[in-house]
């Protein structure tokens, strides 16, 4: 009796790269090419047996199922992740979700997540990859402007494989600080013949927030008799009416600044003496 692989089509020719059959015993063995479950999970091959005396032949179909082994590591959906969380957000706020996929099957394809080394500021759900905060952040604290953590995806197969990815978490500024005058008391001498429209002073404030949250608008809240002065929202104090020393020798203006949410506390005071 002689045995052989039927090779009447191209697919079988390819399969012969993976399997051999002993022509005398009919024993099927693997060939020279390494089998990868992710490429071929099952082979359908036809074999022929021929009686060497009578020349009678018979064929059969053999299904060869490939068993998956845990030979792959999880792969993250991105090479790097960036998340953002608003300062003053309560603990347990969701920041972002990392995701990794493993092409193995069974436990080898099931992925769990953890942070390495563990972080006092964030946790990660071992099953979903969702990262959450453990505390409330203050962006004005320089140590809490941004965080770098390393997330690990590990499969559950025998001899588990893992992969790491970097995650940057940025704490976004919340407009939780008001503008501050420094100093809060000002004095100014102005000649009575100063032309109308003349800028005689420009106010500035400090704000420990960042970006647009530091933009302040300025207003005169008290003391502007006869509308002698005008304050632009940018903080420029402009003479709005002709001054008269004999009528008003001194003005005491109260100036406030607003950043859209908060008002300067305390306001600034400006004493203007007309000369």
Protein backbone atom coordinates (compact mmCIF):
# COMPACT_ATOMS: atom_id res chain seq x y z
CA UNK A 1 0.00 0.00 0.00
CA UNK A 2 1.26 3.43 -0.93
CA UNK A 3 -0.01 6.79 0.37
CA UNK A 4 0.17 10.28 -1.01
CA UNK A 5 -1.38 13.73 -0.80
CA UNK A 6 -3.70 14.53 -3.67
CA UNK A 7 -2.43 17.66 -5.36
CA UNK A 8 -4.98 18.47 -7.98
CA UNK A 9 -5.46 22.08 -6.92
CA UNK A 10 -3.39 25.02 -5.78
CA UNK A 11 -4.68 25.02 -2.19
CA UNK A 12 -3.50 21.48 -1.59
CA UNK A 13 -0.14 22.38 -3.03
CA UNK A 14 0.08 25.12 -0.38
CA UNK A 15 -1.04 22.73 2.34
CA UNK A 16 1.82 20.38 1.41
CA UNK A 17 4.17 23.05 2.76
CA UNK A 18 2.72 22.30 6.21
CA UNK A 19 2.17 18.51 6.17
CA UNK A 20 3.80 15.34 4.86
CA UNK A 21 2.56 11.77 4.65
CA UNK A 22 4.77 8.71 4.94
CA UNK A 23 4.19 6.83 1.64
CA UNK A 24 4.64 3.45 3.32
CA UNK A 25 2.85 3.85 6.66
CA UNK A 26 0.32 6.63 5.92
CA UNK A 27 1.49 8.58 8.96
CA UNK A 28 0.73 12.30 8.57
CA UNK A 29 3.35 14.64 10.04
CA UNK A 30 3.97 18.36 9.97
CA UNK A 31 6.10 19.68 7.18
CA UNK A 32 8.74 22.35 7.05
CA UNK A 33 6.56 25.47 7.35
CA UNK A 34 5.52 26.63 10.82
CA UNK A 35 1.77 26.56 11.40
CA UNK A 36 0.19 29.79 12.64
CA UNK A 37 -3.31 29.42 14.09
CA UNK A 38 -4.07 33.04 13.25
CA UNK A 39 -3.48 32.23 9.55
CA UNK A 40 -4.87 28.68 9.38
CA UNK A 41 -7.18 27.28 12.05
CA UNK A 42 -8.19 24.22 10.00
CA UNK A 43 -6.80 22.34 7.01
CA UNK A 44 -8.95 20.25 4.63
CA UNK A 45 -6.74 17.79 2.79
CA UNK A 46 -7.35 14.82 0.51
CA UNK A 47 -5.17 11.73 0.69
CA UNK A 48 -4.90 8.76 -1.66
CA UNK A 49 -4.17 5.12 -0.84
CA UNK A 50 -3.13 2.80 -3.69
CA UNK A 51 -2.82 -0.99 -3.59
CA UNK A 52 0.51 -1.71 -5.21
CA UNK A 53 -0.61 -5.17 -6.32
CA UNK A 54 -4.06 -4.49 -7.76
CA UNK A 55 -3.61 -0.76 -8.47
CA UNK A 56 -6.92 -0.13 -6.72
CA UNK A 57 -7.14 3.27 -5.12
CA UNK A 58 -9.20 5.00 -2.49
CA UNK A 59 -9.30 8.62 -1.32
CA UNK A 60 -10.35 10.29 1.89
CA UNK A 61 -10.80 13.83 3.22
CA UNK A 62 -8.91 14.65 6.41
CA UNK A 63 -9.73 17.70 8.53
CA UNK A 64 -6.77 18.87 10.59
CA UNK A 65 -7.75 21.30 13.35
CA UNK A 66 -5.01 23.56 14.65
CA UNK A 67 -5.00 24.25 18.37
CA UNK A 68 -4.25 27.86 19.31
CA UNK A 69 -1.38 28.61 21.68
CA UNK A 70 -0.80 31.90 23.47
CA UNK A 71 1.92 33.21 21.17
CA UNK A 72 0.74 36.81 20.71
CA UNK A 73 0.85 39.92 22.88
CA UNK A 74 -2.04 42.38 23.19
CA UNK A 75 -1.89 45.34 20.82
CA UNK A 76 -3.13 48.78 21.90
CA UNK A 77 -5.28 50.78 19.53
CA UNK A 78 -2.88 53.75 19.75
CA UNK A 79 0.85 54.18 20.22
CA UNK A 80 0.21 56.87 22.85
CA UNK A 81 -2.87 58.06 24.71
CA UNK A 82 -3.77 61.54 25.94
CA UNK A 83 -6.60 62.30 28.33
CA UNK A 84 -7.95 65.46 29.94
CA UNK A 85 -9.72 66.07 33.21
CA UNK A 86 -11.12 69.36 34.48
CA UNK A 87 -9.60 70.54 37.73
CA UNK A 88 -11.98 70.42 40.71
CA UNK A 89 -13.73 67.38 39.21
CA UNK A 90 -14.79 64.93 41.93
CA UNK A 91 -12.92 61.66 42.55
CA UNK A 92 -13.96 58.76 40.33
CA UNK A 93 -14.28 61.02 37.28
CA UNK A 94 -13.73 59.10 34.03
CA UNK A 95 -10.71 60.39 32.10
CA UNK A 96 -10.37 58.07 29.09
CA UNK A 97 -10.43 54.43 28.00
CA UNK A 98 -7.49 52.47 26.64
CA UNK A 99 -8.14 49.38 24.57
CA UNK A 100 -5.96 46.49 23.47
CA UNK A 101 -6.79 43.50 21.28
CA UNK A 102 -5.21 40.06 21.27
CA UNK A 103 -5.63 37.81 18.21
CA UNK A 104 -5.27 34.61 20.24
CA UNK A 105 -8.39 32.67 21.25
CA UNK A 106 -9.70 31.52 24.60
CA UNK A 107 -7.93 32.93 27.63
CA UNK A 108 -5.04 33.98 25.38
CA UNK A 109 -7.36 36.49 23.71
CA UNK A 110 -8.80 37.90 26.95
CA UNK A 111 -7.08 41.08 28.09
CA UNK A 112 -6.86 42.70 31.52
CA UNK A 113 -5.42 46.12 32.36
CA UNK A 114 -3.39 47.63 35.17
CA UNK A 115 -1.19 50.65 35.84
CA UNK A 116 2.50 49.99 36.42
CA UNK A 117 3.70 51.26 38.76
CA UNK A 118 0.43 51.83 40.54
CA UNK A 119 -0.65 55.48 40.78
CA UNK A 120 -2.06 57.31 43.81
CA UNK A 121 -4.00 59.57 41.44
CA UNK A 122 -5.64 57.16 38.98
CA UNK A 123 -7.17 53.71 38.76
CA UNK A 124 -7.95 51.56 35.74
CA UNK A 125 -10.77 49.06 35.38
CA UNK A 126 -9.07 45.71 34.82
CA UNK A 127 -11.72 44.57 32.35
CA UNK A 128 -12.76 47.72 30.45
CA UNK A 129 -9.56 49.83 30.48
CA UNK A 130 -11.42 52.90 31.78
CA UNK A 131 -9.12 55.24 33.71
CA UNK A 132 -10.64 57.25 36.58
CA UNK A 133 -9.37 59.77 39.10
CA UNK A 134 -8.92 59.00 42.78
CA UNK A 135 -8.90 62.60 43.98
CA UNK A 136 -9.70 66.20 43.05
CA UNK A 137 -6.91 68.13 41.31
CA UNK A 138 -5.83 71.76 41.57
CA UNK A 139 -4.14 72.85 38.34
CA UNK A 140 -2.56 75.81 40.10
CA UNK A 141 -0.53 73.24 42.04
CA UNK A 142 2.45 72.79 39.69
CA UNK A 143 2.68 69.09 40.58
CA UNK A 144 -0.86 68.57 39.33
CA UNK A 145 -0.75 70.19 35.90
CA UNK A 146 -0.18 66.91 34.06
CA UNK A 147 0.57 63.27 34.80
CA UNK A 148 2.38 60.51 32.92
CA UNK A 149 1.38 56.93 33.66
CA UNK A 150 2.07 53.56 32.04
CA UNK A 151 -0.83 51.22 31.31
CA UNK A 152 -0.25 47.51 30.79
CA UNK A 153 -2.47 45.08 28.87
CA UNK A 154 -1.90 41.42 29.77
CA UNK A 155 -3.67 38.38 28.34
CA UNK A 156 -4.91 35.50 30.49
CA UNK A 157 -3.30 32.62 28.63
CA UNK A 158 -0.63 30.25 29.89
CA UNK A 159 2.66 32.13 30.05
CA UNK A 160 0.76 35.42 29.64
CA UNK A 161 2.05 38.09 27.30
CA UNK A 162 1.74 41.81 27.94
CA UNK A 163 2.29 45.16 26.28
CA UNK A 164 2.72 48.67 27.70
CA UNK A 165 1.57 52.07 26.52
CA UNK A 166 2.18 55.59 27.81
CA UNK A 167 -0.73 57.80 28.88
CA UNK A 168 -0.49 61.56 29.42
CA UNK A 169 -3.29 63.09 31.47
CA UNK A 170 -3.62 66.88 31.36
CA UNK A 171 -5.49 68.75 34.09
CA UNK A 172 -7.58 71.41 32.35
CA UNK A 173 -7.92 74.80 33.99
CA UNK A 174 -11.20 75.65 35.66
CA UNK A 175 -11.91 79.34 36.18
CA UNK A 176 -11.72 79.02 39.95
CA UNK A 177 -9.53 82.04 40.71
CA UNK A 178 -10.54 85.68 40.44
CA UNK A 179 -8.37 88.56 39.18
CA UNK A 180 -6.28 90.35 41.81
CA UNK A 181 -5.07 93.94 41.84
CA UNK A 182 -1.57 94.45 43.15
CA UNK A 183 -1.45 96.91 44.79
CA UNK A 184 -5.08 97.67 45.57
CA UNK A 185 -4.62 101.44 46.17
CA UNK A 186 -3.41 103.88 43.51
CA UNK A 187 -2.95 107.64 43.31
CA UNK A 188 -2.59 109.85 40.29
CA UNK A 189 -2.09 113.58 39.55
CA UNK A 190 -3.82 114.94 36.43
CA UNK A 191 -3.65 118.49 35.06
CA UNK A 192 -7.00 120.16 34.59
CA UNK A 193 -6.16 121.02 30.99
CA UNK A 194 -5.60 117.37 30.02
CA UNK A 195 -7.34 116.80 26.67
CA UNK A 196 -10.49 114.70 26.52
CA UNK A 197 -9.66 111.21 25.21
CA UNK A 198 -6.24 111.14 26.88
CA UNK A 199 -5.26 107.82 28.49
CA UNK A 200 -3.96 108.70 31.97
CA UNK A 201 -3.48 105.21 33.43
CA UNK A 202 -3.71 101.52 32.51
CA UNK A 203 -4.70 98.86 35.04
CA UNK A 204 -3.47 95.28 35.12
CA UNK A 205 -4.39 92.33 37.31
CA UNK A 206 -2.92 88.96 38.18
CA UNK A 207 -4.83 85.70 37.79
CA UNK A 208 -3.43 82.29 38.67
CA UNK A 209 -5.69 80.57 36.14
CA UNK A 210 -4.48 80.02 32.60
CA UNK A 211 -5.44 80.83 29.04
CA UNK A 212 -8.78 82.50 28.43
CA UNK A 213 -9.61 82.22 32.14
CA UNK A 214 -7.08 85.00 32.87
CA UNK A 215 -8.73 87.53 30.53
CA UNK A 216 -10.29 90.27 32.65
CA UNK A 217 -12.52 93.22 31.88
CA UNK A 218 -12.37 96.44 33.90
CA UNK A 219 -15.14 98.73 35.14
CA UNK A 220 -15.55 101.85 37.31
CA UNK A 221 -18.02 100.86 40.01
CA UNK A 222 -18.13 104.09 42.06
CA UNK A 223 -16.87 107.67 42.39
CA UNK A 224 -17.02 108.82 38.78
CA UNK A 225 -18.78 112.16 39.29
CA UNK A 226 -20.09 113.80 36.14
CA UNK A 227 -18.66 110.91 34.16
CA UNK A 228 -15.28 112.58 34.17
CA UNK A 229 -13.49 109.36 33.25
CA UNK A 230 -14.09 106.29 31.15
CA UNK A 231 -12.47 102.89 31.71
CA UNK A 232 -12.14 100.61 28.70
CA UNK A 233 -12.71 96.91 29.26
CA UNK A 234 -8.98 96.47 28.60
CA UNK A 235 -8.16 98.62 31.65
CA UNK A 236 -7.25 101.96 30.05
CA UNK A 237 -8.46 104.97 32.05
CA UNK A 238 -9.49 107.74 29.64
CA UNK A 239 -10.48 111.34 30.36
CA UNK A 240 -14.11 111.52 29.25
CA UNK A 241 -15.01 115.14 30.13
CA UNK A 242 -13.09 118.36 30.58
CA UNK A 243 -11.72 118.62 34.13
CA UNK A 244 -12.13 121.76 36.24
CA UNK A 245 -9.96 122.22 39.32
CA UNK A 246 -12.34 124.83 40.76
CA UNK A 247 -15.27 122.40 40.51
CA UNK A 248 -13.72 119.09 41.53
CA UNK A 249 -10.24 118.90 42.97
CA UNK A 250 -10.23 115.16 43.68
CA UNK A 251 -11.87 111.95 42.46
CA UNK A 252 -11.97 108.67 44.33
CA UNK A 253 -12.74 105.88 41.91
CA UNK A 254 -13.47 102.27 42.74
CA UNK A 255 -12.25 99.87 40.06
CA UNK A 256 -13.30 96.25 39.64
CA UNK A 257 -12.06 93.54 37.29
CA UNK A 258 -14.13 90.56 36.15
CA UNK A 259 -12.87 87.41 34.41
CA UNK A 260 -16.25 86.09 33.30
CA UNK A 261 -17.02 84.23 36.51
CA UNK A 262 -15.34 86.03 39.37
CA UNK A 263 -14.88 89.63 40.45
CA UNK A 264 -11.71 91.05 41.97
CA UNK A 265 -11.79 90.96 45.73
CA UNK A 266 -11.05 93.49 47.04
CA UNK A 267 -11.64 96.10 44.34
CA UNK A 268 -8.98 98.69 43.64
CA UNK A 269 -9.20 102.33 44.75
CA UNK A 270 -7.78 105.15 42.65
CA UNK A 271 -7.36 108.69 43.98
CA UNK A 272 -7.03 111.27 41.21
CA UNK A 273 -5.94 114.79 42.19
CA UNK A 274 -6.60 117.52 39.66
CA UNK A 275 -3.78 120.08 39.42
